[in-house]
Protein backbone atom coordinates (compact mmCIF):
# COMPACT_ATOMS: atom_id res chain seq x y z
CA MET A 1 25.17 15.74 27.43
CA LEU A 2 26.54 18.37 29.86
CA VAL A 3 24.56 16.92 32.76
CA GLU A 4 25.68 13.34 32.14
CA LYS A 5 29.34 14.39 31.95
CA ALA A 6 28.92 16.45 35.14
CA ILE A 7 27.40 13.46 36.97
CA GLY A 8 30.44 11.44 35.94
CA ARG A 9 32.72 14.02 37.55
CA TYR A 10 30.66 15.39 40.46
CA GLY A 11 28.37 12.44 41.23
CA ASP A 12 25.62 13.10 43.76
CA THR A 13 26.32 16.85 43.80
CA ILE A 14 24.57 16.97 40.42
CA ARG A 15 22.40 13.85 40.69
CA ASN A 16 20.62 15.09 43.82
CA LEU A 17 19.58 18.30 42.02
CA LEU A 18 17.83 16.56 39.13
CA PRO A 19 14.07 17.13 38.95
CA PRO A 20 11.59 14.25 39.05
CA GLU A 21 11.01 12.80 35.58
CA PRO A 22 14.11 14.57 34.20
CA TRP A 23 13.32 13.56 30.60
CA LYS A 24 10.62 16.24 30.61
CA TYR A 25 13.26 18.99 30.77
CA ASP A 26 16.13 20.33 28.69
CA LEU A 27 18.53 19.53 31.51
CA ASP A 28 21.61 20.87 29.77
CA ARG A 29 20.13 24.36 29.54
CA LEU A 30 18.45 24.15 32.96
CA MET A 31 21.64 23.21 34.80
CA LEU A 32 24.23 24.80 32.52
CA PRO A 33 25.08 27.80 34.78
CA LEU A 34 25.77 25.56 37.78
CA ILE A 35 27.81 23.05 35.78
CA ARG A 36 29.88 25.75 34.13
CA GLU A 37 30.73 27.38 37.46
CA LEU A 38 31.75 24.02 38.93
CA ASP A 39 33.95 23.31 35.92
CA LEU A 40 35.53 26.77 35.99
CA TYR A 41 36.25 26.33 39.71
CA GLN A 42 37.88 22.96 39.06
CA LEU A 43 39.80 24.46 36.15
CA ALA A 44 41.16 27.21 38.40
CA LEU A 45 42.41 24.53 40.80
CA SER A 46 43.81 22.11 38.22
CA GLY A 47 45.27 24.41 35.59
CA GLU A 48 45.35 23.41 31.91
CA ASP A 49 43.16 20.29 32.06
CA GLY A 50 42.22 19.40 28.48
CA GLU A 51 39.04 17.52 29.31
CA LEU A 52 37.80 20.30 31.61
CA LEU A 53 38.62 22.93 28.99
CA GLU A 54 36.61 20.94 26.46
CA ARG A 55 33.66 20.73 28.84
CA VAL A 56 33.65 24.48 29.44
CA GLY A 57 33.78 24.92 25.66
CA GLU A 58 30.83 22.55 25.30
CA SER A 59 28.79 24.67 27.71
CA TYR A 60 29.25 27.67 25.40
CA HIS A 61 28.72 25.48 22.33
CA VAL A 62 25.32 24.42 23.68
CA GLU A 63 24.42 28.12 24.00
CA ARG A 64 25.52 28.72 20.38
CA ASN A 65 28.28 31.03 21.66
CA LEU A 66 30.60 29.55 19.08
CA GLY A 67 33.44 32.07 19.29
CA VAL A 68 33.95 31.49 23.01
CA ALA A 69 33.49 27.73 22.58
CA ALA A 70 36.17 27.61 19.88
CA GLY A 71 38.59 29.44 22.17
CA TYR A 72 38.17 26.82 24.88
CA TYR A 73 38.37 24.01 22.31
CA GLN A 74 41.67 25.42 21.03
CA LYS A 75 43.04 25.48 24.58
CA ALA A 76 41.74 21.95 25.20
CA VAL A 77 43.51 20.53 22.16
CA ALA A 78 46.72 22.38 23.10
CA ALA A 79 46.57 20.99 26.65
CA LEU A 80 45.69 17.46 25.53
CA PRO A 81 46.93 17.13 21.95
CA PRO A 82 45.98 14.18 19.74
CA VAL A 83 48.47 11.33 19.58
CA PRO A 84 49.62 9.82 16.28
CA VAL A 85 47.21 7.38 14.66
CA THR A 86 49.02 4.08 14.27
CA GLU A 87 48.56 1.77 11.30
CA GLU A 88 46.81 -0.67 13.65
CA MET A 89 44.37 2.02 14.77
CA LYS A 90 43.63 3.10 11.20
CA ALA A 91 43.06 -0.50 10.18
CA ALA A 92 40.67 -1.02 13.11
CA VAL A 93 38.74 2.15 12.22
CA LEU A 94 38.11 0.86 8.69
CA ARG A 95 37.64 -2.78 9.74
CA HIS A 96 34.82 -1.88 12.13
CA ALA A 97 33.30 1.11 10.30
CA PRO A 98 29.50 0.80 10.62
CA LEU A 99 27.27 -0.17 7.74
CA LEU A 100 24.37 2.28 7.86
CA LYS A 101 20.98 0.89 6.85
CA LEU A 102 18.56 3.53 5.55
CA THR A 103 14.94 3.58 4.44
CA GLU A 104 14.28 3.98 0.71
CA MET A 105 12.82 7.44 1.32
CA GLU A 106 15.63 8.98 3.41
CA CYS A 107 15.75 12.68 2.52
CA PHE A 108 19.17 13.76 3.86
CA PRO A 109 22.56 12.50 2.68
CA LEU A 110 25.49 11.68 4.95
CA LYS A 111 27.91 14.63 4.73
CA ASP A 112 30.88 13.55 6.85
CA VAL A 113 32.17 10.87 9.19
CA VAL A 114 34.83 11.55 11.83
CA ALA A 115 36.40 8.56 13.61
CA ILE A 116 38.13 9.12 16.97
CA HIS A 117 40.16 6.24 18.36
CA HIS A 118 40.66 6.39 22.12
CA PRO A 119 44.39 6.58 23.00
CA ASP A 120 44.21 3.98 25.79
CA GLU A 121 41.16 1.81 25.15
CA PRO A 122 40.38 -0.20 21.99
CA VAL A 123 37.24 1.88 21.43
CA ILE A 124 36.36 3.91 18.34
CA ALA A 125 33.82 6.75 18.23
CA TYR A 126 32.22 7.25 14.81
CA HIS A 127 30.67 10.72 14.55
CA LEU A 128 28.14 10.93 11.71
CA PHE A 129 27.06 14.24 10.20
CA TRP A 130 23.86 14.07 8.16
CA GLU A 131 22.79 17.07 6.08
CA ASP A 132 20.05 17.99 8.57
CA ASP A 133 17.34 16.79 10.97
CA TYR A 134 13.77 16.88 9.65
CA ASP A 135 12.43 18.21 12.96
CA PHE A 136 14.90 21.10 13.25
CA PRO A 137 14.89 23.47 10.27
CA ASP A 138 15.30 26.34 12.76
CA ASP A 139 18.28 25.31 14.92
CA SER A 140 21.03 26.99 12.85
CA ASP A 141 23.01 23.74 12.78
CA PRO A 142 23.77 22.86 9.14
CA CYS A 143 23.92 19.15 9.98
CA ASP A 144 22.58 16.43 12.28
CA HIS A 145 25.29 14.96 14.53
CA GLU A 146 24.82 11.28 15.43
CA GLN A 147 27.17 8.74 17.01
CA ILE A 148 28.17 5.07 17.05
CA TRP A 149 30.87 3.45 19.19
CA VAL A 150 32.63 0.15 18.59
CA ALA A 151 34.92 -1.65 21.08
CA TYR A 152 37.17 -4.47 19.93
CA ASP A 153 39.74 -6.92 21.22
CA ARG A 154 43.27 -6.01 20.10
CA ASN A 155 44.42 -9.63 19.87
CA SER A 156 41.48 -11.37 18.23
CA ARG A 157 40.26 -8.22 16.39
CA ARG A 158 36.72 -9.21 17.28
CA VAL A 159 34.06 -6.68 18.22
CA THR A 160 33.30 -6.67 21.95
CA GLY A 161 30.73 -3.88 22.15
CA VAL A 162 28.48 -1.71 19.98
CA TRP A 163 26.66 1.41 21.19
CA ALA A 164 24.59 4.03 19.36
CA PHE A 165 23.15 7.45 20.10
CA TYR A 166 19.36 7.44 19.98
CA HIS A 167 17.73 10.81 20.71
CA GLY A 168 19.68 11.68 23.84
CA SER A 169 20.24 8.12 25.07
CA ILE A 170 23.05 5.66 24.42
CA ILE A 171 21.74 2.21 23.57
CA THR A 172 23.20 -1.25 23.03
CA THR A 173 21.90 -4.80 22.76
CA ALA A 174 22.98 -8.19 24.04
CA ARG A 175 23.74 -9.53 20.55
CA ALA A 176 25.04 -6.39 18.83
CA ALA A 177 28.70 -7.40 19.09
CA GLU A 178 27.99 -11.04 18.16
CA LEU A 179 26.06 -10.03 15.05
CA ALA A 180 28.78 -7.55 14.06
CA ASN A 181 31.34 -10.36 14.22
CA GLU A 182 29.11 -12.55 12.06
CA ALA A 183 29.19 -9.71 9.51
CA GLY A 184 32.99 -9.57 9.44
CA GLY A 185 33.32 -7.03 12.25
CA ARG A 186 31.04 -4.42 10.65
CA PRO A 187 28.06 -3.50 12.85
CA GLU A 188 24.86 -2.81 10.95
CA ILE A 189 23.08 0.28 12.28
CA ARG A 190 19.55 1.11 11.21
CA VAL A 191 18.96 4.84 10.74
CA GLN A 192 15.60 6.44 11.44
CA TRP A 193 14.06 8.35 8.54
CA GLY A 194 14.73 12.09 8.62
CA LYS A 195 15.84 12.20 12.26
CA HIS A 196 18.66 9.62 12.13
CA GLY A 197 18.29 8.01 15.53
CA SER A 198 20.78 5.14 15.31
CA ILE A 199 19.61 1.62 16.19
CA PRO A 200 22.01 -1.32 16.64
CA ALA A 201 20.97 -4.88 15.81
CA GLU A 202 17.78 -5.88 17.68
CA GLY A 203 17.68 -2.38 19.17
CA GLU A 204 13.92 -1.97 18.82
CA ARG A 205 13.59 -3.92 22.10
CA VAL A 206 15.82 -1.56 24.12
CA ARG A 207 13.99 -0.14 27.13
CA LEU A 208 14.34 3.61 27.60
CA PRO A 209 12.90 5.64 30.52
CA LYS A 210 9.76 6.43 28.48
CA GLY A 211 9.27 3.03 26.81
CA THR A 212 10.95 0.86 24.19
CA VAL A 213 12.73 2.05 21.07
CA LEU A 214 9.99 0.37 19.00
CA GLU A 215 7.31 2.39 20.81
CA ASP A 216 9.29 5.56 20.23
CA MET A 217 9.68 4.68 16.54
CA ARG A 218 5.92 4.23 16.20
CA GLU A 219 5.27 7.58 17.87
CA THR A 220 7.86 9.23 15.63
CA TYR A 221 6.28 7.65 12.55
CA HIS A 222 2.93 9.28 13.32
CA GLN A 223 4.64 12.62 13.99
CA MET A 224 6.45 12.44 10.65
CA LEU A 225 3.19 11.60 8.84
CA ALA A 226 1.84 14.90 10.22
CA GLY A 227 4.87 16.89 9.06
CA GLY A 228 6.88 16.76 12.27
CA ARG A 229 7.98 19.72 14.35
CA ALA A 230 8.05 23.23 12.79
CA LYS A 231 6.13 21.95 9.77
CA ASP A 232 5.36 25.50 8.55
CA HIS A 233 8.96 26.72 8.71
CA PRO A 234 10.01 28.33 5.37
CA ILE A 235 13.11 26.14 5.04
CA LYS A 236 11.05 22.98 5.44
CA LYS A 237 8.44 24.23 2.98
CA ARG A 238 11.03 25.21 0.40
CA TYR A 239 13.50 22.33 0.50
CA TRP A 240 12.20 19.33 2.44
CA PRO A 241 9.35 16.82 2.06
CA SER A 242 6.10 18.11 3.52
CA ALA A 243 5.72 14.88 5.50
CA TYR A 244 6.73 11.23 5.53
CA GLU A 245 4.68 9.54 2.81
CA GLY A 246 5.31 5.84 3.38
CA THR A 247 3.64 3.15 5.45
CA TRP A 248 4.69 1.94 8.90
CA GLU A 249 6.25 -1.07 7.19
CA ASP A 250 8.27 1.28 4.94
CA PHE A 251 9.37 3.28 8.00
CA MET A 252 10.75 0.09 9.59
CA ARG A 253 12.37 -1.32 6.43
CA PHE A 254 16.04 -0.41 5.84
CA PRO A 255 17.13 -1.76 2.43
CA VAL A 256 19.64 0.99 1.50
CA THR A 257 23.24 0.59 2.69
CA VAL A 258 25.65 3.48 3.18
CA ASP A 259 29.19 2.33 3.99
CA SER A 260 30.75 4.81 6.43
CA ALA A 261 34.20 3.50 5.50
CA GLY A 262 33.89 5.20 2.11
CA LEU A 263 33.91 8.71 3.56
CA LEU A 264 36.60 7.78 6.08
CA GLU A 265 38.87 6.54 3.30
CA SER A 266 38.22 9.47 0.96
CA LYS A 267 38.58 12.26 3.55
CA ASN A 268 40.80 10.58 6.16
CA PHE A 269 38.90 12.16 9.07
CA VAL A 270 40.60 9.90 11.62
CA ILE A 271 42.28 11.01 14.84
CA CYS A 272 43.37 9.59 18.21
CA SER A 273 42.28 11.60 21.23
CA ARG A 274 40.36 11.51 24.50
CA LEU A 275 38.56 14.65 23.35
CA SER A 276 35.66 14.69 20.92
CA ASN A 277 33.84 17.96 20.19
CA ALA A 278 37.08 19.94 20.55
CA VAL A 279 39.04 17.89 18.00
CA ILE A 280 36.09 17.75 15.60
CA GLN A 281 35.80 21.55 15.68
CA GLN A 282 39.52 22.25 15.59
CA HIS A 283 40.69 19.59 13.12
CA PHE A 284 37.88 18.63 10.76
CA LEU A 285 34.59 20.47 10.25
CA THR A 286 34.25 23.95 8.79
CA TYR A 287 30.57 24.19 9.76
CA ASN A 288 28.80 24.20 13.12
CA PHE A 289 27.43 21.02 14.67
CA ALA A 290 25.64 20.13 17.89
CA ALA A 291 27.98 19.08 20.70
CA LYS A 292 27.44 15.45 21.69
CA PHE A 293 28.96 12.79 23.96
CA GLY A 294 32.57 11.72 23.64
CA TRP A 295 32.45 8.11 24.87
CA PRO A 296 29.70 5.69 25.91
CA TRP A 297 30.80 5.86 29.56
CA HIS A 298 29.91 9.57 29.59
CA ALA A 299 26.20 8.74 29.75
CA PRO A 300 23.65 6.20 30.96
CA VAL A 301 23.47 3.15 28.70
CA TYR A 302 20.26 1.21 28.05
CA ASP A 303 19.66 -2.27 26.63
CA GLU A 304 16.71 -4.69 26.43
CA THR A 305 16.56 -4.84 30.24
CA GLY A 306 16.64 -1.08 30.79
CA LEU A 307 19.45 0.90 32.42
CA VAL A 308 22.69 -1.10 32.47
CA THR A 309 25.32 1.52 33.37
CA LYS A 310 25.04 4.99 34.87
CA ALA A 311 26.82 8.10 33.66
CA GLY A 312 30.45 8.14 34.73
CA ALA A 313 30.93 4.37 34.70
CA SER A 314 34.47 3.45 33.69
CA THR A 315 35.42 1.33 30.73
């Protein structure tokens, strides 16, 4: 997340330093010191830049230095405060709130949903917070932060784009928007058991750097059958299933629907801002969460053909 945002701002300065086969590395932690120094230098030149302040906060957030991160987030929100949510924005947030399709055996409930409407573009970021991630009983994050984005046309109110966060990548499909419109403007997003990778319509065919989403799902299925990562951790042993117990067909069947609009209506976690992690931390959640992307143009986007836009592409 930090690296993709940095590429969007610094371009080849960062891109030329990436190692071969970058997916083999935790790039955020590897390149964090360099990115932070570049951002702090730019901040010294530009003054109170809300987006830069948020990015510096994110660099501390990634390190779990939450006190320092919160200080930068507070400054970011002060420098770039949210704008009022209009009735039209609120209606769009509910009109296009994703329908989440779960397996019958899903072991973690959805805790919260935060919707952020961009102040200039008709794009909505839906931040989903599941109770936890089956592979990470030891990360000290009391939730699993996932994301979906929906773009729409202000005049026709039709969906024009659907993107989802899938294990570090942002994915979309050629027919995601069309199928959302056929469903009344509500994109259906399939949610991976236990780990909650989000898959838009026909997303199993999306080509990632290491293969298709379907291939990754099959690999994940076998890992979950074996108990996943950290299978002997005391938290997992005490509270969570010892392993996934269904068949491959069960793993790929999503008959349970969770309507994200329900939580949005009951808690009213809706805001209008260019910022993401900063406003979530300052305005909504009382527990820690993993920092993630703000907008789909902050990262490479993949579809059925492979890479379609690079990090830093504009809307």
